Amino acid sequence: MEDLNALLEPGMLVSHPDRPEWGIGQVQSNIGGRITVNFREQGKVVIDGRHVTLLPVFDD
């Protein structure tokens, strides 16, 4: 299976599959599998893409 996190670019909207309470987040950066996301309800979080596959959000 292709690494879906590798397709994430700054500005894209995502959700965390294990933390729906964080709400929708906007990708700030994606460097070396470390994805920085600014979530509406949680703030800025750095996610290790080796352990979590973020879900793209196309309809907000």
C-alpha atoms as a PDB file:
ATOM      1  CA  MET A   1       0.000   0.000   0.000  1.00  0.00           C
ATOM      2  CA  GLU A   2       1.326   3.410  -0.944  1.00  0.00           C
ATOM      3  CA  ASP A   3       2.077   5.844   1.872  1.00  0.00           C
ATOM      4  CA  LEU A   4      -0.873   8.231   1.703  1.00  0.00           C
ATOM      5  CA  ASN A   5       0.817  10.693   4.072  1.00  0.00           C
ATOM      6  CA  ALA A   6       3.473  11.311   1.415  1.00  0.00           C
ATOM      7  CA  LEU A   7       0.769  12.958  -0.713  1.00  0.00           C
ATOM      8  CA  LEU A   8      -0.111  15.551   1.937  1.00  0.00           C
ATOM      9  CA  GLU A   9       0.951  19.098   1.128  1.00  0.00           C
ATOM     10  CA  PRO A  10       0.758  22.379   3.055  1.00  0.00           C
ATOM     11  CA  GLY A  11      -2.748  23.814   2.963  1.00  0.00           C
ATOM     12  CA  MET A  12      -4.536  20.479   2.693  1.00  0.00           C
ATOM     13  CA  LEU A  13      -7.243  19.671   5.229  1.00  0.00           C
ATOM     14  CA  VAL A  14      -7.004  16.448   7.228  1.00  0.00           C
ATOM     15  CA  SER A  15      -8.454  14.646  10.218  1.00  0.00           C
ATOM     16  CA  HIS A  16      -6.751  12.329  12.698  1.00  0.00           C
ATOM     17  CA  PRO A  17      -8.431   8.886  12.658  1.00  0.00           C
ATOM     18  CA  ASP A  18      -7.904   8.326  16.407  1.00  0.00           C
ATOM     19  CA  ARG A  19      -8.649  11.887  17.571  1.00  0.00           C
ATOM     20  CA  PRO A  20     -11.924  13.091  15.980  1.00  0.00           C
ATOM     21  CA  GLU A  21     -12.341  15.552  18.862  1.00  0.00           C
ATOM     22  CA  TRP A  22      -9.401  17.539  17.415  1.00  0.00           C
ATOM     23  CA  GLY A  23     -11.592  18.512  14.464  1.00  0.00           C
ATOM     24  CA  ILE A  24     -10.304  19.342  11.004  1.00  0.00           C
ATOM     25  CA  GLY A  25      -6.677  20.369  10.668  1.00  0.00           C
ATOM     26  CA  GLN A  26      -4.634  22.155   8.039  1.00  0.00           C
ATOM     27  CA  VAL A  27      -1.264  20.704   7.054  1.00  0.00           C
ATOM     28  CA  GLN A  28       1.526  23.196   7.738  1.00  0.00           C
ATOM     29  CA  SER A  29       4.459  21.043   6.588  1.00  0.00           C
ATOM     30  CA  ASN A  30       5.354  17.477   5.657  1.00  0.00           C
ATOM     31  CA  ILE A  31       9.081  16.826   5.970  1.00  0.00           C
ATOM     32  CA  GLY A  32      10.599  13.375   6.256  1.00  0.00           C
ATOM     33  CA  GLY A  33       7.379  11.795   7.468  1.00  0.00           C
ATOM     34  CA  ARG A  34       6.889  14.384  10.213  1.00  0.00           C
ATOM     35  CA  ILE A  35       3.647  16.192   9.489  1.00  0.00           C
ATOM     36  CA  THR A  36       2.812  19.426  11.270  1.00  0.00           C
ATOM     37  CA  VAL A  37      -0.923  20.067  11.410  1.00  0.00           C
ATOM     38  CA  ASN A  38      -2.854  22.948  12.949  1.00  0.00           C
ATOM     39  CA  PHE A  39      -6.091  21.407  14.285  1.00  0.00           C
ATOM     40  CA  ARG A  40      -9.106  23.607  15.096  1.00  0.00           C
ATOM     41  CA  GLU A  41      -9.671  22.175  18.557  1.00  0.00           C
ATOM     42  CA  GLN A  42      -6.148  21.037  19.505  1.00  0.00           C
ATOM     43  CA  GLY A  43      -3.782  23.544  17.952  1.00  0.00           C
ATOM     44  CA  LYS A  44      -0.462  22.701  16.320  1.00  0.00           C
ATOM     45  CA  VAL A  45       0.557  19.029  16.481  1.00  0.00           C
ATOM     46  CA  VAL A  46       3.538  17.233  14.938  1.00  0.00           C
ATOM     47  CA  ILE A  47       2.549  13.741  13.802  1.00  0.00           C
ATOM     48  CA  ASP A  48       4.866  10.852  13.023  1.00  0.00           C
ATOM     49  CA  GLY A  49       3.515   9.601   9.707  1.00  0.00           C
ATOM     50  CA  ARG A  50       5.065   6.168  10.298  1.00  0.00           C
ATOM     51  CA  HIS A  51       2.479   5.508  13.003  1.00  0.00           C
ATOM     52  CA  VAL A  52      -0.613   7.453  11.901  1.00  0.00           C
ATOM     53  CA  THR A  53      -2.203   7.816   8.477  1.00  0.00           C
ATOM     54  CA  LEU A  54      -4.061  11.111   8.352  1.00  0.00           C
ATOM     55  CA  LEU A  55      -7.331  11.239   6.458  1.00  0.00           C
ATOM     56  CA  PRO A  56      -7.706  13.909   3.774  1.00  0.00           C
ATOM     57  CA  VAL A  57     -10.837  16.043   4.071  1.00  0.00           C
ATOM     58  CA  PHE A  58     -12.295  17.241   0.803  1.00  0.00           C
ATOM     59  CA  ASP A  59     -15.622  18.610   1.989  1.00  0.00           C
ATOM     60  CA  ASP A  60     -15.611  20.868   5.043  1.00  0.00           C
END
